[in-house]
Amino acid sequence: MNNREVILEKALELFSSYGYDSTGVQEIASAAGVTKPTLYHYFGSKEKLLDELLSTYSGKLMRMMQPAADYQRDLPLTLYRVTKTYFEFAKEYQTYYRFHLSLWFAPSESYPAKAVASYLHNQFIMIEDIFLKASGDHGNMKGRHKRYAVSFIGMINSYISLHTKDLIQLSDELVYQAVHQFMHGIYS
């Protein structure tokens, strides 16, 4: 790995373990085995380093989600694909996803909250759109698409949070069970 990649990797590890605000530039540089000027050469600031991490990982998640979220008039199948995609991403990029979860609850006026806002918004819109389209096929869902999107994302993130703490394993069976349970709730 080159210096830039090592800096990104070490910053992610530290942000995931201690939080963005509790991690200093010197800690990142030391963990990466570089000097602060080298870190600034590649990223310019701690904020730009965060921006690069978000762009890389959240961008990758969104690209993976687009085909999974393509609603083709089969809501259970679409939700299964979306859940499976989230779980696969979280397993492959567990350190990032742990950090990603912390950003959902960052103080609203902090730089991390502002930096992640568009990514979280785009994820929400993608999920909301599934339920909005499905409401045309399922009359009892009309007007509830926002609530369903919030609940669905919350369910997925709860399972992933438990996984990042080694309390559960993300599996195809869990994907099926989670979607099945969610579907019972929205069809009732």
N, C-alpha and C. Protein backbone atom coordinates (compact mmCIF):
# COMPACT_ATOMS: atom_id res chain seq x y z
N MET A 1 0.84 -1.19 0.00
CA MET A 1 0.00 0.00 0.00
C MET A 1 0.88 1.25 0.00
N ASN A 2 0.40 2.27 -0.66
CA ASN A 2 1.12 3.53 -0.63
C ASN A 2 0.71 4.35 0.59
N ASN A 3 1.40 5.45 0.84
CA ASN A 3 1.13 6.27 2.02
C ASN A 3 -0.33 6.71 2.10
N ARG A 4 -0.88 7.11 0.98
CA ARG A 4 -2.27 7.59 0.96
C ARG A 4 -3.23 6.51 1.44
N GLU A 5 -3.07 5.30 0.92
CA GLU A 5 -3.94 4.18 1.31
C GLU A 5 -3.76 3.82 2.78
N VAL A 6 -2.53 3.85 3.25
CA VAL A 6 -2.26 3.53 4.65
C VAL A 6 -2.90 4.58 5.56
N ILE A 7 -2.79 5.83 5.19
CA ILE A 7 -3.41 6.90 5.98
C ILE A 7 -4.92 6.69 6.05
N LEU A 8 -5.54 6.41 4.92
CA LEU A 8 -6.99 6.18 4.90
C LEU A 8 -7.36 4.99 5.79
N GLU A 9 -6.62 3.91 5.67
CA GLU A 9 -6.91 2.71 6.46
C GLU A 9 -6.78 2.98 7.95
N LYS A 10 -5.71 3.63 8.35
CA LYS A 10 -5.48 3.90 9.77
C LYS A 10 -6.48 4.92 10.31
N ALA A 11 -6.81 5.92 9.51
CA ALA A 11 -7.82 6.89 9.95
C ALA A 11 -9.16 6.19 10.17
N LEU A 12 -9.54 5.32 9.26
CA LEU A 12 -10.80 4.60 9.41
C LEU A 12 -10.79 3.75 10.67
N GLU A 13 -9.71 3.04 10.90
CA GLU A 13 -9.61 2.21 12.12
C GLU A 13 -9.76 3.07 13.37
N LEU A 14 -9.08 4.21 13.40
CA LEU A 14 -9.15 5.08 14.58
C LEU A 14 -10.52 5.74 14.72
N PHE A 15 -11.09 6.23 13.62
CA PHE A 15 -12.43 6.83 13.68
C PHE A 15 -13.46 5.81 14.15
N SER A 16 -13.33 4.59 13.66
CA SER A 16 -14.27 3.53 14.02
C SER A 16 -14.15 3.14 15.49
N SER A 17 -12.93 3.15 16.00
CA SER A 17 -12.70 2.73 17.39
C SER A 17 -12.95 3.83 18.41
N TYR A 18 -12.57 5.07 18.07
CA TYR A 18 -12.61 6.16 19.05
C TYR A 18 -13.52 7.31 18.67
N GLY A 19 -14.01 7.32 17.46
CA GLY A 19 -14.84 8.43 16.99
C GLY A 19 -14.01 9.47 16.27
N TYR A 20 -14.67 10.18 15.39
CA TYR A 20 -13.99 11.20 14.59
C TYR A 20 -13.42 12.31 15.48
N ASP A 21 -14.24 12.85 16.37
CA ASP A 21 -13.81 13.99 17.18
C ASP A 21 -12.72 13.63 18.18
N SER A 22 -12.65 12.37 18.59
CA SER A 22 -11.65 11.96 19.58
C SER A 22 -10.33 11.54 18.94
N THR A 23 -10.25 11.58 17.63
CA THR A 23 -9.05 11.16 16.93
C THR A 23 -8.35 12.38 16.35
N GLY A 24 -7.10 12.57 16.72
CA GLY A 24 -6.34 13.70 16.23
C GLY A 24 -5.52 13.35 15.00
N VAL A 25 -5.12 14.38 14.28
CA VAL A 25 -4.31 14.21 13.08
C VAL A 25 -2.98 13.54 13.42
N GLN A 26 -2.37 13.92 14.55
CA GLN A 26 -1.10 13.31 14.93
C GLN A 26 -1.27 11.81 15.19
N GLU A 27 -2.39 11.42 15.80
CA GLU A 27 -2.64 9.99 16.03
C GLU A 27 -2.74 9.23 14.71
N ILE A 28 -3.41 9.82 13.75
CA ILE A 28 -3.56 9.18 12.44
C ILE A 28 -2.19 9.06 11.77
N ALA A 29 -1.45 10.15 11.77
CA ALA A 29 -0.12 10.15 11.14
C ALA A 29 0.78 9.11 11.80
N SER A 30 0.79 9.06 13.13
CA SER A 30 1.63 8.09 13.84
C SER A 30 1.21 6.66 13.51
N ALA A 31 -0.08 6.40 13.51
CA ALA A 31 -0.56 5.04 13.21
C ALA A 31 -0.21 4.63 11.78
N ALA A 32 -0.18 5.61 10.88
CA ALA A 32 0.14 5.33 9.47
C ALA A 32 1.65 5.32 9.22
N GLY A 33 2.42 5.73 10.21
CA GLY A 33 3.87 5.75 10.05
C GLY A 33 4.35 6.88 9.14
N VAL A 34 3.60 7.99 9.14
CA VAL A 34 3.97 9.14 8.32
C VAL A 34 4.00 10.38 9.22
N THR A 35 4.47 11.47 8.67
CA THR A 35 4.46 12.73 9.41
C THR A 35 3.16 13.48 9.13
N LYS A 36 2.85 14.44 10.01
CA LYS A 36 1.66 15.26 9.77
C LYS A 36 1.74 15.99 8.42
N PRO A 37 2.90 16.54 8.05
CA PRO A 37 2.97 17.18 6.73
C PRO A 37 2.64 16.21 5.58
N THR A 38 3.01 14.94 5.73
CA THR A 38 2.68 13.97 4.69
C THR A 38 1.16 13.77 4.62
N LEU A 39 0.54 13.66 5.77
CA LEU A 39 -0.92 13.52 5.80
C LEU A 39 -1.58 14.74 5.14
N TYR A 40 -1.10 15.93 5.49
CA TYR A 40 -1.67 17.15 4.91
C TYR A 40 -1.39 17.24 3.41
N HIS A 41 -0.26 16.70 2.98
CA HIS A 41 0.06 16.68 1.55
C HIS A 41 -1.02 15.91 0.78
N TYR A 42 -1.41 14.76 1.32
CA TYR A 42 -2.39 13.93 0.62
C TYR A 42 -3.82 14.42 0.79
N PHE A 43 -4.16 14.96 1.95
CA PHE A 43 -5.58 15.25 2.22
C PHE A 43 -5.86 16.70 2.57
N GLY A 44 -4.87 17.45 2.99
CA GLY A 44 -5.09 18.86 3.30
C GLY A 44 -5.64 19.12 4.69
N SER A 45 -6.47 18.23 5.20
CA SER A 45 -7.06 18.41 6.52
C SER A 45 -7.72 17.11 6.96
N LYS A 46 -8.05 17.06 8.23
CA LYS A 46 -8.78 15.91 8.77
C LYS A 46 -10.17 15.83 8.12
N GLU A 47 -10.76 16.98 7.85
CA GLU A 47 -12.08 17.01 7.21
C GLU A 47 -12.04 16.41 5.81
N LYS A 48 -11.00 16.75 5.06
CA LYS A 48 -10.88 16.21 3.70
C LYS A 48 -10.61 14.70 3.74
N LEU A 49 -9.93 14.25 4.76
CA LEU A 49 -9.70 12.82 4.95
C LEU A 49 -11.04 12.11 5.19
N LEU A 50 -11.87 12.70 6.04
CA LEU A 50 -13.22 12.15 6.27
C LEU A 50 -14.02 12.15 4.97
N ASP A 51 -13.96 13.24 4.24
CA ASP A 51 -14.69 13.32 2.96
C ASP A 51 -14.28 12.19 2.02
N GLU A 52 -12.99 11.90 1.98
CA GLU A 52 -12.49 10.83 1.11
C GLU A 52 -13.01 9.47 1.56
N LEU A 53 -13.02 9.22 2.86
CA LEU A 53 -13.55 7.95 3.37
C LEU A 53 -15.04 7.81 3.03
N LEU A 54 -15.80 8.87 3.23
CA LEU A 54 -17.23 8.82 2.93
C LEU A 54 -17.47 8.61 1.44
N SER A 55 -16.73 9.33 0.62
CA SER A 55 -16.89 9.19 -0.82
C SER A 55 -16.57 7.77 -1.28
N THR A 56 -15.50 7.22 -0.74
CA THR A 56 -15.08 5.88 -1.14
C THR A 56 -16.08 4.83 -0.70
N TYR A 57 -16.39 4.78 0.57
CA TYR A 57 -17.21 3.69 1.11
C TYR A 57 -18.71 3.91 0.91
N SER A 58 -19.20 5.09 1.23
CA SER A 58 -20.63 5.32 1.03
C SER A 58 -20.97 5.33 -0.45
N GLY A 59 -20.05 5.82 -1.25
CA GLY A 59 -20.25 5.76 -2.70
C GLY A 59 -20.35 4.33 -3.19
N LYS A 60 -19.49 3.48 -2.66
CA LYS A 60 -19.51 2.06 -3.03
C LYS A 60 -20.82 1.41 -2.59
N LEU A 61 -21.28 1.72 -1.38
CA LEU A 61 -22.55 1.17 -0.90
C LEU A 61 -23.70 1.60 -1.82
N MET A 62 -23.73 2.85 -2.19
CA MET A 62 -24.81 3.33 -3.06
C MET A 62 -24.76 2.65 -4.44
N ARG A 63 -23.58 2.44 -4.96
CA ARG A 63 -23.48 1.75 -6.26
C ARG A 63 -23.97 0.31 -6.15
N MET A 64 -23.69 -0.33 -5.02
CA MET A 64 -24.16 -1.70 -4.81
C MET A 64 -25.68 -1.73 -4.61
N MET A 65 -26.21 -0.69 -3.99
CA MET A 65 -27.63 -0.64 -3.67
C MET A 65 -28.52 -0.39 -4.89
N GLN A 66 -28.03 0.35 -5.86
CA GLN A 66 -28.89 0.74 -6.99
C GLN A 66 -29.55 -0.45 -7.67
N PRO A 67 -28.83 -1.48 -8.07
CA PRO A 67 -29.55 -2.60 -8.71
C PRO A 67 -30.41 -3.37 -7.70
N ALA A 68 -29.99 -3.45 -6.46
CA ALA A 68 -30.77 -4.18 -5.45
C ALA A 68 -32.10 -3.48 -5.19
N ALA A 69 -32.12 -2.16 -5.24
CA ALA A 69 -33.32 -1.38 -4.92
C ALA A 69 -34.25 -1.16 -6.11
N ASP A 70 -33.95 -1.78 -7.23
CA ASP A 70 -34.79 -1.64 -8.42
C ASP A 70 -36.08 -2.42 -8.22
N TYR A 71 -37.16 -1.71 -7.90
CA TYR A 71 -38.44 -2.35 -7.62
C TYR A 71 -39.10 -2.81 -8.92
N GLN A 72 -39.38 -4.10 -8.99
CA GLN A 72 -40.01 -4.69 -10.17
C GLN A 72 -41.33 -5.37 -9.79
N ARG A 73 -42.09 -4.70 -8.92
CA ARG A 73 -43.42 -5.15 -8.50
C ARG A 73 -43.40 -6.41 -7.64
N ASP A 74 -42.27 -6.66 -7.01
CA ASP A 74 -42.16 -7.78 -6.06
C ASP A 74 -41.47 -7.23 -4.81
N LEU A 75 -42.28 -6.74 -3.87
CA LEU A 75 -41.72 -6.08 -2.70
C LEU A 75 -40.87 -7.01 -1.84
N PRO A 76 -41.32 -8.21 -1.51
CA PRO A 76 -40.45 -9.07 -0.69
C PRO A 76 -39.09 -9.35 -1.34
N LEU A 77 -39.09 -9.59 -2.64
CA LEU A 77 -37.83 -9.85 -3.34
C LEU A 77 -36.93 -8.62 -3.30
N THR A 78 -37.49 -7.45 -3.53
CA THR A 78 -36.70 -6.22 -3.51
C THR A 78 -36.11 -5.99 -2.13
N LEU A 79 -36.92 -6.14 -1.08
CA LEU A 79 -36.42 -5.94 0.28
C LEU A 79 -35.38 -6.99 0.65
N TYR A 80 -35.55 -8.19 0.15
CA TYR A 80 -34.55 -9.25 0.37
C TYR A 80 -33.22 -8.84 -0.27
N ARG A 81 -33.27 -8.38 -1.52
CA ARG A 81 -32.04 -7.98 -2.22
C ARG A 81 -31.36 -6.81 -1.51
N VAL A 82 -32.15 -5.84 -1.07
CA VAL A 82 -31.59 -4.67 -0.38
C VAL A 82 -30.94 -5.08 0.93
N THR A 83 -31.64 -5.88 1.72
CA THR A 83 -31.11 -6.33 3.00
C THR A 83 -29.84 -7.14 2.79
N LYS A 84 -29.86 -8.03 1.84
CA LYS A 84 -28.68 -8.85 1.55
C LYS A 84 -27.50 -7.97 1.14
N THR A 85 -27.76 -6.96 0.35
CA THR A 85 -26.70 -6.05 -0.09
C THR A 85 -26.11 -5.30 1.11
N TYR A 86 -26.97 -4.77 1.96
CA TYR A 86 -26.47 -4.09 3.16
C TYR A 86 -25.64 -5.05 4.00
N PHE A 87 -26.14 -6.26 4.22
CA PHE A 87 -25.42 -7.22 5.06
C PHE A 87 -24.08 -7.59 4.44
N GLU A 88 -24.06 -7.82 3.14
CA GLU A 88 -22.79 -8.17 2.48
C GLU A 88 -21.79 -7.02 2.56
N PHE A 89 -22.27 -5.81 2.36
CA PHE A 89 -21.39 -4.65 2.47
C PHE A 89 -20.84 -4.53 3.89
N ALA A 90 -21.72 -4.68 4.88
CA ALA A 90 -21.31 -4.56 6.28
C ALA A 90 -20.32 -5.64 6.69
N LYS A 91 -20.47 -6.83 6.13
CA LYS A 91 -19.51 -7.90 6.44
C LYS A 91 -18.16 -7.60 5.80
N GLU A 92 -18.17 -7.15 4.56
CA GLU A 92 -16.91 -6.88 3.86
C GLU A 92 -16.19 -5.65 4.40
N TYR A 93 -16.95 -4.65 4.81
CA TYR A 93 -16.38 -3.39 5.27
C TYR A 93 -16.86 -3.09 6.69
N GLN A 94 -16.64 -4.04 7.58
CA GLN A 94 -17.17 -3.94 8.94
C GLN A 94 -16.63 -2.71 9.68
N THR A 95 -15.36 -2.42 9.54
CA THR A 95 -14.78 -1.26 10.22
C THR A 95 -15.46 0.01 9.75
N TYR A 96 -15.66 0.14 8.44
CA TYR A 96 -16.34 1.32 7.93
C TYR A 96 -17.78 1.37 8.42
N TYR A 97 -18.48 0.25 8.39
CA TYR A 97 -19.89 0.29 8.76
C TYR A 97 -20.06 0.65 10.23
N ARG A 98 -19.16 0.20 11.08
CA ARG A 98 -19.23 0.59 12.49
C ARG A 98 -19.11 2.12 12.59
N PHE A 99 -18.19 2.70 11.84
CA PHE A 99 -18.04 4.15 11.82
C PHE A 99 -19.27 4.81 11.21
N HIS A 100 -19.77 4.25 10.14
CA HIS A 100 -20.97 4.75 9.46
C HIS A 100 -22.15 4.83 10.44
N LEU A 101 -22.32 3.80 11.23
CA LEU A 101 -23.41 3.81 12.21
C LEU A 101 -23.24 4.95 13.22
N SER A 102 -22.03 5.21 13.63
CA SER A 102 -21.80 6.30 14.59
C SER A 102 -22.16 7.65 13.98
N LEU A 103 -22.00 7.78 12.68
CA LEU A 103 -22.28 9.06 12.03
C LEU A 103 -23.77 9.38 11.98
N TRP A 104 -24.61 8.36 12.07
CA TRP A 104 -26.06 8.60 12.12
C TRP A 104 -26.41 9.46 13.33
N PHE A 105 -25.60 9.36 14.38
CA PHE A 105 -25.92 10.03 15.64
C PHE A 105 -24.92 11.13 15.98
N ALA A 106 -24.15 11.58 15.01
CA ALA A 106 -23.20 12.67 15.24
C ALA A 106 -23.97 13.95 15.56
N PRO A 107 -23.43 14.81 16.42
CA PRO A 107 -24.11 16.07 16.73
C PRO A 107 -24.43 16.83 15.44
N SER A 108 -25.64 17.35 15.36
CA SER A 108 -26.16 17.90 14.10
C SER A 108 -25.31 19.01 13.50
N GLU A 109 -24.63 19.79 14.30
CA GLU A 109 -23.83 20.88 13.76
C GLU A 109 -22.36 20.53 13.59
N SER A 110 -22.01 19.28 13.84
CA SER A 110 -20.61 18.86 13.69
C SER A 110 -20.25 18.65 12.23
N TYR A 111 -18.97 18.72 11.94
CA TYR A 111 -18.53 18.47 10.57
C TYR A 111 -18.92 17.07 10.09
N PRO A 112 -18.71 16.01 10.90
CA PRO A 112 -19.09 14.68 10.43
C PRO A 112 -20.56 14.57 10.07
N ALA A 113 -21.44 15.17 10.86
CA ALA A 113 -22.88 15.11 10.56
C ALA A 113 -23.19 15.80 9.24
N LYS A 114 -22.57 16.92 9.01
CA LYS A 114 -22.80 17.65 7.76
C LYS A 114 -22.19 16.91 6.57
N ALA A 115 -21.02 16.31 6.79
CA ALA A 115 -20.34 15.60 5.69
C ALA A 115 -21.11 14.35 5.26
N VAL A 116 -21.73 13.66 6.21
CA VAL A 116 -22.42 12.40 5.89
C VAL A 116 -23.88 12.62 5.48
N ALA A 117 -24.40 13.81 5.72
CA ALA A 117 -25.83 14.07 5.52
C ALA A 117 -26.32 13.69 4.13
N SER A 118 -25.62 14.06 3.09
CA SER A 118 -26.11 13.76 1.74
C SER A 118 -26.09 12.26 1.46
N TYR A 119 -25.12 11.54 2.00
CA TYR A 119 -25.08 10.09 1.81
C TYR A 119 -26.25 9.41 2.52
N LEU A 120 -26.51 9.82 3.75
CA LEU A 120 -27.63 9.24 4.50
C LEU A 120 -28.96 9.59 3.83
N HIS A 121 -29.06 10.83 3.36
CA HIS A 121 -30.28 11.26 2.68
C HIS A 121 -30.50 10.43 1.41
N ASN A 122 -29.46 10.23 0.64
CA ASN A 122 -29.59 9.45 -0.60
C ASN A 122 -29.98 8.00 -0.31
N GLN A 123 -29.44 7.42 0.76
CA GLN A 123 -29.83 6.06 1.13
C GLN A 123 -31.31 6.04 1.50
N PHE A 124 -31.74 7.01 2.29
CA PHE A 124 -33.13 7.07 2.70
C PHE A 124 -34.05 7.21 1.49
N ILE A 125 -33.70 8.11 0.57
CA ILE A 125 -34.53 8.34 -0.63
C ILE A 125 -34.63 7.06 -1.46
N MET A 126 -33.52 6.33 -1.58
CA MET A 126 -33.53 5.09 -2.35
C MET A 126 -34.50 4.07 -1.74
N ILE A 127 -34.48 3.95 -0.42
CA ILE A 127 -35.36 3.00 0.26
C ILE A 127 -36.81 3.51 0.24
N GLU A 128 -36.98 4.78 0.48
CA GLU A 128 -38.33 5.37 0.44
C GLU A 128 -38.98 5.15 -0.92
N ASP A 129 -38.20 5.28 -1.97
CA ASP A 129 -38.72 5.12 -3.33
C ASP A 129 -39.27 3.71 -3.56
N ILE A 130 -38.65 2.71 -2.95
CA ILE A 130 -39.16 1.34 -3.06
C ILE A 130 -40.59 1.28 -2.52
N PHE A 131 -40.78 1.84 -1.32
CA PHE A 131 -42.10 1.78 -0.69
C PHE A 131 -43.11 2.67 -1.40
N LEU A 132 -42.65 3.77 -1.93
CA LEU A 132 -43.54 4.64 -2.70
C LEU A 132 -44.06 3.91 -3.94
N LYS A 133 -43.16 3.25 -4.65
CA LYS A 133 -43.57 2.48 -5.83
C LYS A 133 -44.46 1.30 -5.44
N ALA A 134 -44.12 0.63 -4.35
CA ALA A 134 -44.90 -0.53 -3.92
C ALA A 134 -46.30 -0.14 -3.48
N SER A 135 -46.47 1.10 -3.03
CA SER A 135 -47.81 1.53 -2.58
C SER A 135 -48.81 1.53 -3.74
N GLY A 136 -48.31 1.61 -4.96
CA GLY A 136 -49.20 1.50 -6.12
C GLY A 136 -49.74 0.08 -6.29
N ASP A 137 -48.99 -0.89 -5.80
CA ASP A 137 -49.41 -2.29 -5.89
C ASP A 137 -50.13 -2.77 -4.63
N HIS A 138 -49.91 -2.07 -3.53
CA HIS A 138 -50.46 -2.47 -2.23
C HIS A 138 -51.16 -1.25 -1.63
N GLY A 139 -52.44 -1.16 -1.82
CA GLY A 139 -53.22 0.01 -1.40
C GLY A 139 -53.09 0.36 0.07
N ASN A 140 -52.92 -0.65 0.92
CA ASN A 140 -52.83 -0.36 2.36
C ASN A 140 -51.53 0.34 2.74
N MET A 141 -50.61 0.48 1.80
CA MET A 141 -49.32 1.12 2.07
C MET A 141 -49.31 2.61 1.71
N LYS A 142 -50.34 3.07 1.05
CA LYS A 142 -50.36 4.47 0.58
C LYS A 142 -50.16 5.44 1.75
N GLY A 143 -49.29 6.41 1.54
CA GLY A 143 -49.03 7.44 2.52
C GLY A 143 -48.13 7.01 3.67
N ARG A 144 -47.64 5.80 3.63
CA ARG A 144 -46.81 5.29 4.73
C ARG A 144 -45.35 5.07 4.31
N HIS A 145 -45.01 5.45 3.11
CA HIS A 145 -43.69 5.12 2.57
C HIS A 145 -42.54 5.67 3.42
N LYS A 146 -42.68 6.87 3.97
CA LYS A 146 -41.60 7.43 4.80
C LYS A 146 -41.42 6.59 6.07
N ARG A 147 -42.52 6.26 6.73
CA ARG A 147 -42.43 5.46 7.95
C ARG A 147 -41.84 4.09 7.68
N TYR A 148 -42.23 3.49 6.56
CA TYR A 148 -41.68 2.17 6.22
C TYR A 148 -40.19 2.26 5.95
N ALA A 149 -39.76 3.31 5.25
CA ALA A 149 -38.33 3.48 4.95
C ALA A 149 -37.53 3.65 6.24
N VAL A 150 -38.03 4.47 7.16
CA VAL A 150 -37.34 4.68 8.44
C VAL A 150 -37.24 3.36 9.20
N SER A 151 -38.35 2.65 9.28
CA SER A 151 -38.37 1.38 10.02
C SER A 151 -37.46 0.34 9.38
N PHE A 152 -37.48 0.28 8.08
CA PHE A 152 -36.67 -0.71 7.36
C PHE A 152 -35.17 -0.45 7.53
N ILE A 153 -34.77 0.80 7.35
CA ILE A 153 -33.36 1.16 7.54
C ILE A 153 -32.95 0.92 8.99
N GLY A 154 -33.82 1.28 9.92
CA GLY A 154 -33.53 1.06 11.33
C GLY A 154 -33.35 -0.41 11.66
N MET A 155 -34.19 -1.25 11.07
CA MET A 155 -34.07 -2.70 11.29
C MET A 155 -32.74 -3.21 10.76
N ILE A 156 -32.40 -2.83 9.55
CA ILE A 156 -31.15 -3.27 8.94
C ILE A 156 -29.96 -2.82 9.79
N ASN A 157 -29.95 -1.55 10.16
CA ASN A 157 -28.83 -1.03 10.94
C ASN A 157 -28.75 -1.65 12.33
N SER A 158 -29.88 -2.02 12.90
CA SER A 158 -29.86 -2.70 14.20
C SER A 158 -29.19 -4.06 14.09
N TYR A 159 -29.54 -4.81 13.08
CA TYR A 159 -28.89 -6.11 12.87
C TYR A 159 -27.39 -5.95 12.62
N ILE A 160 -27.05 -4.99 11.78
CA ILE A 160 -25.63 -4.78 11.48
C ILE A 160 -24.88 -4.32 12.73
N SER A 161 -25.48 -3.47 13.54
CA SER A 161 -24.85 -3.03 14.78
C SER A 161 -24.55 -4.22 15.68
N LEU A 162 -25.49 -5.13 15.81
CA LEU A 162 -25.26 -6.34 16.61
C LEU A 162 -24.13 -7.18 16.02
N HIS A 163 -24.07 -7.23 14.70
CA HIS A 163 -23.00 -7.96 14.03
C HIS A 163 -21.63 -7.34 14.32
N THR A 164 -21.55 -6.01 14.29
CA THR A 164 -20.25 -5.36 14.53
C THR A 164 -19.76 -5.57 15.96
N LYS A 165 -20.67 -5.96 16.83
CA LYS A 165 -20.30 -6.26 18.23
C LYS A 165 -20.16 -7.77 18.46
N ASP A 166 -20.17 -8.53 17.36
CA ASP A 166 -20.06 -10.00 17.41
C ASP A 166 -21.16 -10.67 18.21
N LEU A 167 -22.36 -10.08 18.20
CA LEU A 167 -23.49 -10.66 18.91
C LEU A 167 -24.36 -11.54 18.03
N ILE A 168 -24.32 -11.30 16.72
CA ILE A 168 -25.02 -12.14 15.75
C ILE A 168 -24.18 -12.25 14.50
N GLN A 169 -24.50 -13.23 13.68
CA GLN A 169 -23.87 -13.38 12.38
C GLN A 169 -24.87 -13.00 11.30
N LEU A 170 -24.43 -12.23 10.34
CA LEU A 170 -25.29 -11.87 9.21
C LEU A 170 -25.26 -13.03 8.23
N SER A 171 -26.42 -13.54 7.90
CA SER A 171 -26.50 -14.71 7.02
C SER A 171 -27.71 -14.58 6.10
N ASP A 172 -27.76 -15.44 5.09
CA ASP A 172 -28.92 -15.45 4.21
C ASP A 172 -30.19 -15.80 4.98
N GLU A 173 -30.08 -16.68 5.96
CA GLU A 173 -31.24 -17.04 6.77
C GLU A 173 -31.73 -15.83 7.55
N LEU A 174 -30.82 -15.03 8.10
CA LEU A 174 -31.22 -13.82 8.83
C LEU A 174 -31.84 -12.81 7.88
N VAL A 175 -31.33 -12.69 6.68
CA VAL A 175 -31.94 -11.80 5.68
C VAL A 175 -33.40 -12.22 5.48
N TYR A 176 -33.62 -13.49 5.24
CA TYR A 176 -34.97 -13.99 5.01
C TYR A 176 -35.86 -13.71 6.23
N GLN A 177 -35.39 -14.03 7.43
CA GLN A 177 -36.19 -13.84 8.65
C GLN A 177 -36.52 -12.37 8.88
N ALA A 178 -35.54 -11.51 8.69
CA ALA A 178 -35.76 -10.07 8.90
C ALA A 178 -36.79 -9.52 7.93
N VAL A 179 -36.64 -9.85 6.66
CA VAL A 179 -37.59 -9.35 5.66
C VAL A 179 -38.97 -9.95 5.90
N HIS A 180 -39.02 -11.21 6.22
CA HIS A 180 -40.31 -11.88 6.49
C HIS A 180 -41.03 -11.18 7.65
N GLN A 181 -40.30 -10.93 8.72
CA GLN A 181 -40.89 -10.26 9.88
C GLN A 181 -41.36 -8.85 9.50
N PHE A 182 -40.54 -8.13 8.77
CA PHE A 182 -40.90 -6.78 8.36
C PHE A 182 -42.16 -6.79 7.49
N MET A 183 -42.24 -7.73 6.57
CA MET A 183 -43.39 -7.83 5.67
C MET A 183 -44.68 -8.11 6.46
N HIS A 184 -44.60 -8.95 7.48
CA HIS A 184 -45.78 -9.21 8.30
C HIS A 184 -46.27 -7.93 8.95
N GLY A 185 -45.34 -7.10 9.38
CA GLY A 185 -45.71 -5.84 10.03
C GLY A 185 -46.38 -4.87 9.09
N ILE A 186 -45.90 -4.76 7.85
CA ILE A 186 -46.49 -3.77 6.95
C ILE A 186 -47.76 -4.28 6.27
N TYR A 187 -47.95 -5.58 6.19
CA TYR A 187 -49.16 -6.10 5.57
C TYR A 187 -50.31 -6.21 6.55
N SER A 188 -50.03 -6.07 7.84
CA SER A 188 -51.10 -6.24 8.83
C SER A 188 -51.99 -5.02 8.91
